[in-house]
């Protein structure tokens, strides 16, 4: 979370009523996706993964479901735990979406080489002297689905909670990495200049904080924005942003911006661009606008054309939209587990999948090299010390050159070039912030990578 940002009176005056969770119940989802923060008290004791399994709790089971098992819109708690564990597989039942089409071609299946030993791999979570197994870590992290690829073959695949192989799961902020990749592809194609000022591409952003930033600064989130995500402040910018983004009809007394693009025009500058990393979802919304303007396509169409139709996907994906039909570039994607595995393999193989080049190898290499470590360090990500952020990807800078797409509640596409490994995890951890589960997740990924390397 980013707290303590001074409030601009003009922003606050745009609203005639307070931005509160009661006034805008739908906004809870946007808040969770838009932050690596936590929306609940840390002291709360939660049901275990087994106890909170939506199949056990029987959310929305039966036809019709029992009244006490309903999860409905516009109730404000459909994204609170444990209802969260059902909702992540049913986002389009709450929000309007656009299709990310896989096209009409046949899906290209994976080869399998399942390895049962992986379940018994042991490791020590960071800061803990006790050993746990890989299988135990799945429960600890409230895993809904997990896939491990090694040398392009599926060596591990498991579905839990709300997920099965036919369903889609919310990717949350992993969506950002798709948006960043599309920008990198356009740069490689000569259709986007990373050094260009945003205002030269989108004149409507000229008077906003984004206008004086470069495309690269937006891609790496080193913009200097006067934007507060202090959820305890009912007048914080996050509430105005979320009200603007809500696809539900605005009230007659609503005087604020309508949609992502109108909101971005109101963001003011605080500091100097390029000096510090600040994780703010509105950067990705701005980048989504940039790539859409560069191609004259909305993000769903562009993602379909550039990626989804080319990876042999077996399912369409979908992405949530605001009231004006603009896709949520920062966190709106839902997709199938194996299709995200295909995407991860595409990144691992630097733009090639199924023997076909989808984008130049320089695109993946440019992401892998990472961003400004000094700028990243200022953000204080203790579980990612020595890391960086580039093109909406998290770069670990470890000796395996691993990097990842990450989303709240445990969503991950983890790419380990040295081990020739891709891990995709969908999860519904009770707390949003990934730092709560990184001490288990990151050593778990490393232990599997080490095992696969030894197996060669």
Protein backbone atom coordinates (compact mmCIF):
# COMPACT_ATOMS: atom_id res chain seq x y z
CA UNK A 1 0.00 0.00 0.00
CA UNK A 2 1.07 3.55 -0.61
CA UNK A 3 0.03 5.84 2.22
CA UNK A 4 0.56 9.41 3.24
CA UNK A 5 0.24 11.05 -0.17
CA UNK A 6 -1.08 14.61 0.11
CA UNK A 7 -4.59 15.11 -1.14
CA UNK A 8 -5.38 17.42 -4.02
CA UNK A 9 -8.48 19.53 -3.17
CA UNK A 10 -9.61 19.47 -6.80
CA UNK A 11 -9.75 15.67 -6.72
CA UNK A 12 -11.75 15.63 -3.52
CA UNK A 13 -14.19 18.20 -4.80
CA UNK A 14 -14.97 16.02 -7.82
CA UNK A 15 -17.07 13.83 -5.56
CA UNK A 16 -20.24 15.07 -3.87
CA UNK A 17 -20.30 12.18 -1.45
CA UNK A 18 -17.66 10.28 0.49
CA UNK A 19 -16.07 7.30 -1.21
CA UNK A 20 -16.88 4.51 1.21
CA UNK A 21 -17.16 0.78 1.03
CA UNK A 22 -20.82 1.09 1.91
CA UNK A 23 -21.51 3.55 -0.90
CA UNK A 24 -19.61 1.57 -3.52
CA UNK A 25 -19.75 -2.14 -2.55
CA UNK A 26 -18.37 -3.34 -5.91
CA UNK A 27 -15.12 -1.45 -5.39
CA UNK A 28 -13.66 -4.03 -3.03
CA UNK A 29 -12.53 -6.10 -6.01
CA UNK A 30 -10.74 -3.18 -7.66
CA UNK A 31 -8.89 -2.36 -4.45
CA UNK A 32 -7.59 -5.88 -4.02
CA UNK A 33 -6.38 -6.13 -7.61
CA UNK A 34 -4.86 -2.68 -7.56
CA UNK A 35 -2.55 -3.21 -4.63
CA UNK A 36 -0.04 -5.61 -3.18
CA UNK A 37 -1.44 -4.46 0.15
CA UNK A 38 -3.78 -6.24 2.52
CA UNK A 39 -7.42 -5.40 3.07
CA UNK A 40 -7.92 -7.34 6.28
CA UNK A 41 -6.45 -7.28 9.75
CA UNK A 42 -3.31 -9.38 10.07
CA UNK A 43 -4.46 -10.84 13.39
CA UNK A 44 -7.49 -12.57 11.91
CA UNK A 45 -7.59 -16.36 12.21
CA UNK A 46 -8.81 -17.93 8.98
CA UNK A 47 -10.33 -21.25 8.09
CA UNK A 48 -7.75 -23.64 6.64
CA UNK A 49 -7.59 -24.36 2.92
CA UNK A 50 -9.48 -27.59 3.48
CA UNK A 51 -12.12 -25.98 5.72
CA UNK A 52 -12.64 -23.05 3.34
CA UNK A 53 -12.81 -25.13 0.16
CA UNK A 54 -15.87 -23.82 -1.70
CA UNK A 55 -16.94 -27.38 -2.40
CA UNK A 56 -17.00 -28.05 1.34
CA UNK A 57 -18.81 -24.81 2.12
CA UNK A 58 -21.13 -25.43 -0.83
CA UNK A 59 -21.22 -21.85 -2.07
CA UNK A 60 -23.77 -21.51 -4.88
CA UNK A 61 -24.39 -25.29 -4.85
CA UNK A 62 -27.74 -26.64 -5.92
CA UNK A 63 -30.40 -25.18 -8.17
CA UNK A 64 -31.35 -22.86 -6.71
CA UNK A 65 -28.68 -22.50 -3.99
CA UNK A 66 -29.78 -22.24 -0.38
CA UNK A 67 -30.20 -18.59 0.73
CA UNK A 68 -27.22 -18.75 3.09
CA UNK A 69 -25.02 -20.12 0.29
CA UNK A 70 -25.64 -17.31 -2.19
CA UNK A 71 -22.78 -15.11 -3.37
CA UNK A 72 -24.33 -12.20 -5.17
CA UNK A 73 -23.83 -8.80 -6.75
CA UNK A 74 -23.99 -6.04 -5.56
CA UNK A 75 -23.22 -7.35 -2.07
CA UNK A 76 -19.95 -5.87 -0.88
CA UNK A 77 -18.54 -9.09 0.55
CA UNK A 78 -18.40 -11.33 -2.52
CA UNK A 79 -14.63 -10.87 -2.58
CA UNK A 80 -14.08 -11.36 1.14
CA UNK A 81 -12.72 -14.58 2.58
CA UNK A 82 -13.94 -17.34 2.40
CA UNK A 83 -16.36 -16.33 -0.40
CA UNK A 84 -13.26 -15.17 -2.27
CA UNK A 85 -12.36 -18.82 -2.83
CA UNK A 86 -15.44 -19.30 -5.01
CA UNK A 87 -15.48 -15.85 -6.60
CA UNK A 88 -12.02 -16.12 -8.20
CA UNK A 89 -13.39 -18.73 -10.61
CA UNK A 90 -16.58 -16.77 -11.37
CA UNK A 91 -15.53 -13.15 -11.97
CA UNK A 92 -17.66 -12.70 -15.08
CA UNK A 93 -20.77 -13.50 -13.03
CA UNK A 94 -20.17 -10.23 -11.15
CA UNK A 95 -18.61 -7.93 -13.73
CA UNK A 96 -19.00 -7.31 -17.49
CA UNK A 97 -16.16 -8.67 -19.60
CA UNK A 98 -14.68 -8.80 -23.09
CA UNK A 99 -13.61 -12.05 -24.70
CA UNK A 100 -9.94 -12.71 -25.42
CA UNK A 101 -10.45 -15.07 -28.32
CA UNK A 102 -8.26 -18.10 -28.96
CA UNK A 103 -9.40 -18.09 -32.58
CA UNK A 104 -10.83 -21.04 -34.48
CA UNK A 105 -7.76 -23.27 -34.76
CA UNK A 106 -7.24 -26.50 -32.86
CA UNK A 107 -5.67 -26.40 -29.42
CA UNK A 108 -2.13 -27.77 -29.29
CA UNK A 109 -1.88 -30.17 -26.33
CA UNK A 110 1.08 -30.48 -23.99
CA UNK A 111 3.13 -33.61 -23.65
CA UNK A 112 3.13 -35.12 -20.15
CA UNK A 113 5.91 -36.57 -18.03
CA UNK A 114 4.28 -36.49 -14.59
CA UNK A 115 6.65 -36.84 -11.66
CA UNK A 116 5.08 -37.98 -8.37
CA UNK A 117 8.32 -37.29 -6.47
CA UNK A 118 7.65 -33.55 -6.62
CA UNK A 119 4.97 -33.87 -3.92
CA UNK A 120 7.61 -35.11 -1.45
CA UNK A 121 10.30 -32.48 -2.17
CA UNK A 122 11.22 -30.83 1.13
CA UNK A 123 12.35 -27.28 1.83
CA UNK A 124 12.54 -24.75 4.65
CA UNK A 125 10.36 -21.64 4.40
CA UNK A 126 12.29 -18.40 4.80
CA UNK A 127 12.84 -17.66 8.49
CA UNK A 128 11.67 -21.11 9.58
CA UNK A 129 13.79 -24.04 10.66
CA UNK A 130 11.11 -26.65 10.05
CA UNK A 131 10.96 -28.53 6.78
CA UNK A 132 7.73 -28.89 4.84
CA UNK A 133 6.94 -30.74 1.64
CA UNK A 134 5.85 -29.27 -1.68
CA UNK A 135 2.45 -30.92 -1.21
CA UNK A 136 2.03 -29.33 2.22
CA UNK A 137 2.90 -25.92 0.79
CA UNK A 138 -0.06 -26.10 -1.59
CA UNK A 139 -2.45 -26.17 1.33
CA UNK A 140 -0.52 -23.51 3.24
CA UNK A 141 -0.89 -21.14 0.30
CA UNK A 142 -4.56 -21.96 -0.45
CA UNK A 143 -3.66 -23.18 -3.92
CA UNK A 144 -6.54 -23.52 -6.41
CA UNK A 145 -4.49 -24.84 -9.29
CA UNK A 146 -0.81 -25.42 -10.01
CA UNK A 147 1.12 -26.46 -13.10
CA UNK A 148 4.83 -27.20 -13.50
CA UNK A 149 6.45 -27.39 -16.91
CA UNK A 150 9.95 -28.74 -17.44
CA UNK A 151 11.50 -28.59 -20.87
CA UNK A 152 8.06 -27.92 -22.29
CA UNK A 153 6.38 -30.97 -20.73
CA UNK A 154 3.89 -31.02 -17.88
CA UNK A 155 5.54 -32.71 -14.90
CA UNK A 156 2.97 -31.64 -12.30
CA UNK A 157 -0.67 -30.55 -12.52
CA UNK A 158 -3.23 -30.23 -9.75
CA UNK A 159 -6.66 -28.61 -9.36
CA UNK A 160 -8.16 -27.68 -6.00
CA UNK A 161 -10.81 -25.40 -4.55
CA UNK A 162 -13.05 -23.82 -7.17
CA UNK A 163 -10.89 -24.80 -10.13
CA UNK A 164 -10.84 -27.69 -12.56
CA UNK A 165 -9.30 -28.04 -16.01
CA UNK A 166 -12.41 -26.65 -17.74
CA UNK A 167 -12.63 -23.46 -15.69
CA UNK A 168 -10.93 -20.09 -15.65
CA UNK A 169 -9.43 -18.28 -12.65
CA UNK A 170 -8.75 -14.63 -11.96
CA UNK A 171 -5.16 -13.73 -12.83
CA UNK A 172 -5.35 -10.48 -10.84
CA UNK A 173 -2.25 -8.34 -11.37
CA UNK A 174 -0.57 -10.93 -13.56
CA UNK A 175 -2.65 -9.10 -16.17
CA UNK A 176 -0.11 -6.28 -15.88
CA UNK A 177 2.62 -8.53 -17.27
CA UNK A 178 0.53 -9.24 -20.38
CA UNK A 179 0.07 -5.49 -20.87
CA UNK A 180 3.80 -4.90 -20.40
CA UNK A 181 4.65 -7.64 -22.87
CA UNK A 182 2.35 -6.14 -25.50
CA UNK A 183 4.16 -2.81 -25.09
CA UNK A 184 7.53 -4.52 -25.52
CA UNK A 185 6.29 -6.26 -28.68
CA UNK A 186 5.11 -2.96 -30.14
CA UNK A 187 8.49 -1.39 -29.33
CA UNK A 188 10.26 -4.24 -31.13
CA UNK A 189 7.94 -3.76 -34.11
CA UNK A 190 8.76 -0.05 -34.26
CA UNK A 191 5.16 0.92 -33.50
CA UNK A 192 5.91 2.39 -30.06
CA UNK A 193 8.83 4.51 -28.85
CA UNK A 194 9.78 3.82 -25.24
CA UNK A 195 11.48 7.23 -25.00
CA UNK A 196 8.43 9.14 -26.21
CA UNK A 197 6.52 11.34 -23.80
CA UNK A 198 3.08 10.00 -23.05
CA UNK A 199 1.51 13.30 -24.04
CA UNK A 200 2.83 12.86 -27.58
CA UNK A 201 0.83 9.64 -27.88
CA UNK A 202 -2.23 10.59 -25.84
CA UNK A 203 -2.77 14.36 -25.94
CA UNK A 204 -5.60 14.05 -23.41
CA UNK A 205 -3.00 13.13 -20.78
CA UNK A 206 -0.89 16.23 -21.44
CA UNK A 207 -2.00 18.02 -18.27
CA UNK A 208 -1.88 14.93 -16.07
CA UNK A 209 1.12 13.46 -14.27
CA UNK A 210 1.52 10.95 -17.08
CA UNK A 211 1.93 13.61 -19.76
CA UNK A 212 5.55 14.40 -18.86
CA UNK A 213 6.55 10.77 -18.23
CA UNK A 214 8.13 8.57 -20.87
CA UNK A 215 6.56 5.34 -22.03
CA UNK A 216 9.43 3.46 -20.37
CA UNK A 217 8.80 5.16 -17.02
CA UNK A 218 5.17 4.09 -17.20
CA UNK A 219 6.19 0.54 -18.15
CA UNK A 220 8.60 0.30 -15.21
CA UNK A 221 6.35 2.18 -12.74
CA UNK A 222 8.93 4.86 -12.02
CA UNK A 223 6.40 7.65 -12.51
CA UNK A 224 5.97 10.29 -9.79
CA UNK A 225 2.25 10.30 -9.08
CA UNK A 226 0.22 12.06 -6.40
CA UNK A 227 -1.94 9.03 -5.80
CA UNK A 228 -2.92 7.58 -2.44
CA UNK A 229 -3.99 4.01 -1.74
CA UNK A 230 -4.65 4.65 1.96
CA UNK A 231 -7.80 2.58 2.46
CA UNK A 232 -8.41 4.05 5.91
CA UNK A 233 -8.98 7.45 4.29
CA UNK A 234 -12.45 7.59 2.69
CA UNK A 235 -11.26 10.45 0.46
CA UNK A 236 -8.13 8.67 -0.82
CA UNK A 237 -7.54 8.59 -4.55
CA UNK A 238 -8.13 4.84 -4.68
CA UNK A 239 -11.83 5.38 -3.94
CA UNK A 240 -12.23 7.98 -6.67
CA UNK A 241 -10.38 5.70 -9.10
CA UNK A 242 -12.51 2.72 -8.17
CA UNK A 243 -15.76 4.67 -8.45
CA UNK A 244 -14.71 5.81 -11.93
CA UNK A 245 -13.82 2.25 -12.94
CA UNK A 246 -17.01 0.66 -11.66
CA UNK A 247 -19.17 -0.67 -14.52
CA UNK A 248 -22.31 -0.20 -12.46
CA UNK A 249 -24.49 2.82 -13.25
CA UNK A 250 -23.36 5.99 -11.51
CA UNK A 251 -25.75 7.71 -9.11
CA UNK A 252 -27.51 10.91 -10.08
CA UNK A 253 -25.33 12.84 -7.62
CA UNK A 254 -22.06 11.44 -9.02
CA UNK A 255 -19.79 14.19 -10.41
CA UNK A 256 -16.51 12.32 -10.77
CA UNK A 257 -14.67 10.81 -13.75
CA UNK A 258 -16.33 8.01 -15.70
CA UNK A 259 -14.05 5.15 -16.68
CA UNK A 260 -10.33 4.47 -16.47
CA UNK A 261 -9.35 6.99 -19.13
CA UNK A 262 -11.23 9.91 -17.61
CA UNK A 263 -9.71 9.17 -14.23
CA UNK A 264 -6.14 9.08 -15.58
CA UNK A 265 -6.58 12.63 -16.84
CA UNK A 266 -7.07 13.82 -13.25
CA UNK A 267 -3.87 12.36 -11.77
CA UNK A 268 -1.34 15.00 -10.71
CA UNK A 269 2.43 14.79 -10.33
CA UNK A 270 4.32 14.50 -7.05
CA UNK A 271 8.10 14.46 -7.46
CA UNK A 272 10.38 13.59 -10.37
CA UNK A 273 9.75 10.77 -12.81
CA UNK A 274 12.35 8.02 -13.05
CA UNK A 275 13.72 8.21 -9.51
CA UNK A 276 11.75 5.59 -7.58
CA UNK A 277 9.63 2.52 -8.20
CA UNK A 278 6.06 2.85 -6.97
CA UNK A 279 3.63 0.00 -7.53
CA UNK A 280 0.46 1.74 -8.69
CA UNK A 281 -2.06 0.03 -10.93
CA UNK A 282 -2.95 3.27 -12.67
CA UNK A 283 0.40 3.01 -14.47
CA UNK A 284 -0.88 -0.13 -16.17
CA UNK A 285 -4.16 1.55 -17.02
CA UNK A 286 -2.13 4.29 -18.69
CA UNK A 287 -0.02 1.71 -20.53
CA UNK A 288 -3.17 -0.05 -21.68
CA UNK A 289 -4.33 3.24 -23.19
CA UNK A 290 -0.91 3.76 -24.81
CA UNK A 291 -0.83 0.37 -26.54
CA UNK A 292 -4.45 0.74 -27.59
CA UNK A 293 -3.75 4.16 -29.10
CA UNK A 294 -0.64 2.83 -30.88
CA UNK A 295 -2.61 0.00 -32.50
CA UNK A 296 -6.16 1.38 -32.64
CA UNK A 297 -7.28 -1.81 -30.88
CA UNK A 298 -8.62 -2.40 -27.40
CA UNK A 299 -6.47 -4.51 -25.10
CA UNK A 300 -8.64 -7.63 -25.41
CA UNK A 301 -8.37 -7.57 -29.21
CA UNK A 302 -4.64 -6.91 -29.10
CA UNK A 303 -3.97 -9.68 -26.58
CA UNK A 304 -5.98 -12.10 -28.71
CA UNK A 305 -4.17 -11.16 -31.92
CA UNK A 306 -0.63 -11.04 -30.55
CA UNK A 307 -0.69 -13.87 -28.01
CA UNK A 308 -3.83 -15.91 -27.42
CA UNK A 309 -4.42 -16.99 -31.03
CA UNK A 310 -0.76 -17.99 -31.41
CA UNK A 311 -0.05 -20.18 -28.39
CA UNK A 312 -2.37 -23.09 -29.17
CA UNK A 313 -4.70 -22.06 -26.34
CA UNK A 314 -7.50 -24.45 -25.46
CA UNK A 315 -9.85 -21.85 -23.94
CA UNK A 316 -10.77 -18.25 -24.62
CA UNK A 317 -9.78 -15.93 -21.81
CA UNK A 318 -11.79 -12.90 -20.72
CA UNK A 319 -11.07 -9.52 -19.18
CA UNK A 320 -13.25 -7.21 -17.11
CA UNK A 321 -14.22 -3.78 -18.44
CA UNK A 322 -15.35 -0.46 -17.07
CA UNK A 323 -18.68 1.19 -17.86
CA UNK A 324 -17.34 2.44 -21.20
CA UNK A 325 -16.06 -0.92 -22.35
CA UNK A 326 -12.37 -0.30 -21.59
CA UNK A 327 -10.54 -3.49 -20.50
CA UNK A 328 -8.94 -3.46 -17.06
CA UNK A 329 -5.28 -3.60 -18.09
CA UNK A 330 -4.05 -3.82 -14.52
CA UNK A 331 -5.93 -6.84 -13.24
CA UNK A 332 -8.98 -7.94 -15.20
CA UNK A 333 -7.84 -11.16 -16.93
CA UNK A 334 -9.24 -14.62 -16.17
CA UNK A 335 -7.87 -17.69 -17.95
CA UNK A 336 -7.32 -21.43 -17.76
CA UNK A 337 -4.34 -22.91 -15.94
CA UNK A 338 -2.77 -24.70 -18.91
CA UNK A 339 -3.17 -21.65 -21.14
CA UNK A 340 -1.14 -19.60 -18.68
CA UNK A 341 1.37 -22.44 -18.82
CA UNK A 342 1.54 -21.96 -22.59
CA UNK A 343 2.14 -18.27 -22.03
CA UNK A 344 4.90 -19.00 -19.52
CA UNK A 345 6.55 -21.44 -21.92
CA UNK A 346 6.41 -18.77 -24.63
CA UNK A 347 8.32 -16.42 -22.33
CA UNK A 348 10.82 -19.10 -21.28
CA UNK A 349 11.55 -19.89 -24.93
CA UNK A 350 11.91 -16.18 -25.72
CA UNK A 351 9.03 -15.83 -28.12
CA UNK A 352 8.80 -19.31 -29.64
CA UNK A 353 6.09 -21.90 -28.99
CA UNK A 354 5.19 -25.06 -30.89
CA UNK A 355 8.05 -24.29 -33.27
CA UNK A 356 6.58 -20.91 -34.27
CA UNK A 357 8.08 -17.52 -33.44
CA UNK A 358 5.43 -15.25 -31.94
CA UNK A 359 7.64 -12.26 -31.13
CA UNK A 360 11.36 -11.39 -31.41
CA UNK A 361 13.65 -12.93 -28.79
CA UNK A 362 14.81 -9.42 -27.89
CA UNK A 363 11.38 -8.80 -26.34
CA UNK A 364 11.81 -11.46 -23.64
CA UNK A 365 15.49 -10.64 -23.20
CA UNK A 366 14.68 -7.00 -22.61
CA UNK A 367 12.30 -7.98 -19.82
CA UNK A 368 14.70 -10.51 -18.30
CA UNK A 369 17.51 -8.02 -17.91
CA UNK A 370 15.45 -6.20 -15.32
CA UNK A 371 14.92 -2.62 -14.31
CA UNK A 372 16.58 -0.10 -12.02
CA UNK A 373 17.51 -1.92 -8.79
CA UNK A 374 18.16 1.35 -6.96
CA UNK A 375 14.71 2.66 -7.83
CA UNK A 376 13.14 -0.67 -6.82
CA UNK A 377 14.95 -0.80 -3.48
CA UNK A 378 13.23 2.40 -2.38
CA UNK A 379 9.87 0.59 -2.40
CA UNK A 380 10.97 -1.70 0.45
CA UNK A 381 9.95 -5.13 -0.85
CA UNK A 382 11.70 -7.22 1.83
CA UNK A 383 10.79 -10.58 0.29
CA UNK A 384 12.22 -9.48 -3.06
CA UNK A 385 15.53 -7.94 -1.96
CA UNK A 386 17.89 -7.36 -4.85
CA UNK A 387 15.02 -7.51 -7.32
CA UNK A 388 13.71 -5.05 -9.86
CA UNK A 389 10.64 -4.32 -11.98
CA UNK A 390 10.61 -4.00 -15.74
CA UNK A 391 7.79 -3.86 -18.25
CA UNK A 392 5.30 -4.89 -15.56
CA UNK A 393 7.32 -8.02 -14.63
CA UNK A 394 9.04 -8.81 -11.33
CA UNK A 395 12.72 -9.72 -11.84
CA UNK A 396 14.38 -11.69 -9.03
CA UNK A 397 18.02 -11.36 -10.21
CA UNK A 398 18.90 -14.70 -8.60
CA UNK A 399 21.44 -17.12 -10.01
CA UNK A 400 18.70 -18.84 -12.05
CA UNK A 401 17.72 -15.51 -13.68
CA UNK A 402 14.14 -16.13 -12.57
CA UNK A 403 11.37 -13.62 -13.15
CA UNK A 404 7.63 -13.63 -12.58
CA UNK A 405 4.18 -12.25 -13.19
CA UNK A 406 2.49 -11.82 -9.83
CA UNK A 407 -0.98 -11.05 -8.55
CA UNK A 408 -2.62 -10.64 -5.15
CA UNK A 409 -3.79 -13.67 -3.17
CA UNK A 410 -0.97 -15.79 -4.61
CA UNK A 411 -1.27 -15.67 -8.41
CA UNK A 412 2.07 -16.45 -10.08
CA UNK A 413 3.72 -17.30 -13.36
CA UNK A 414 7.28 -18.13 -12.29
CA UNK A 415 9.86 -18.57 -15.03
CA UNK A 416 13.25 -20.15 -14.27
CA UNK A 417 15.48 -20.17 -17.38
CA UNK A 418 18.32 -22.14 -15.77
CA UNK A 419 16.05 -24.99 -14.73
CA UNK A 420 14.01 -24.74 -17.97
CA UNK A 421 10.98 -24.57 -15.68
CA UNK A 422 7.68 -22.69 -15.61
CA UNK A 423 5.36 -22.75 -12.62
CA UNK A 424 1.83 -21.36 -12.82
CA UNK A 425 -0.14 -21.03 -9.62
CA UNK A 426 -3.69 -19.86 -9.04
CA UNK A 427 -4.58 -19.31 -5.39
CA UNK A 428 -7.06 -17.68 -3.04
CA UNK A 429 -4.98 -16.91 0.02
CA UNK A 430 -7.04 -15.08 2.65
CA UNK A 431 -4.77 -12.03 2.66
CA UNK A 432 -4.03 -10.10 -0.50
CA UNK A 433 -0.41 -9.21 0.08
CA UNK A 434 2.06 -11.66 -1.48
CA UNK A 435 4.68 -10.95 1.16
CA UNK A 436 2.64 -13.16 3.51
CA UNK A 437 3.23 -16.22 1.33
CA UNK A 438 6.54 -15.41 -0.38
CA UNK A 439 8.47 -16.98 2.55
CA UNK A 440 6.85 -20.29 1.57
CA UNK A 441 6.35 -19.84 -2.16
CA UNK A 442 9.78 -18.65 -3.27
CA UNK A 443 11.76 -21.40 -1.49
CA UNK A 444 9.24 -23.94 -2.80
CA UNK A 445 9.80 -22.83 -6.38
CA UNK A 446 13.57 -22.91 -5.88
CA UNK A 447 13.47 -26.40 -4.38
CA UNK A 448 11.57 -27.76 -7.39
CA UNK A 449 13.97 -26.01 -9.76
CA UNK A 450 16.94 -27.57 -7.96
CA UNK A 451 15.33 -31.00 -8.12
CA UNK A 452 14.67 -30.69 -11.86
CA UNK A 453 18.26 -29.56 -12.47
CA UNK A 454 19.61 -32.56 -10.56
CA UNK A 455 17.29 -34.82 -12.52
CA UNK A 456 18.89 -33.93 -15.87
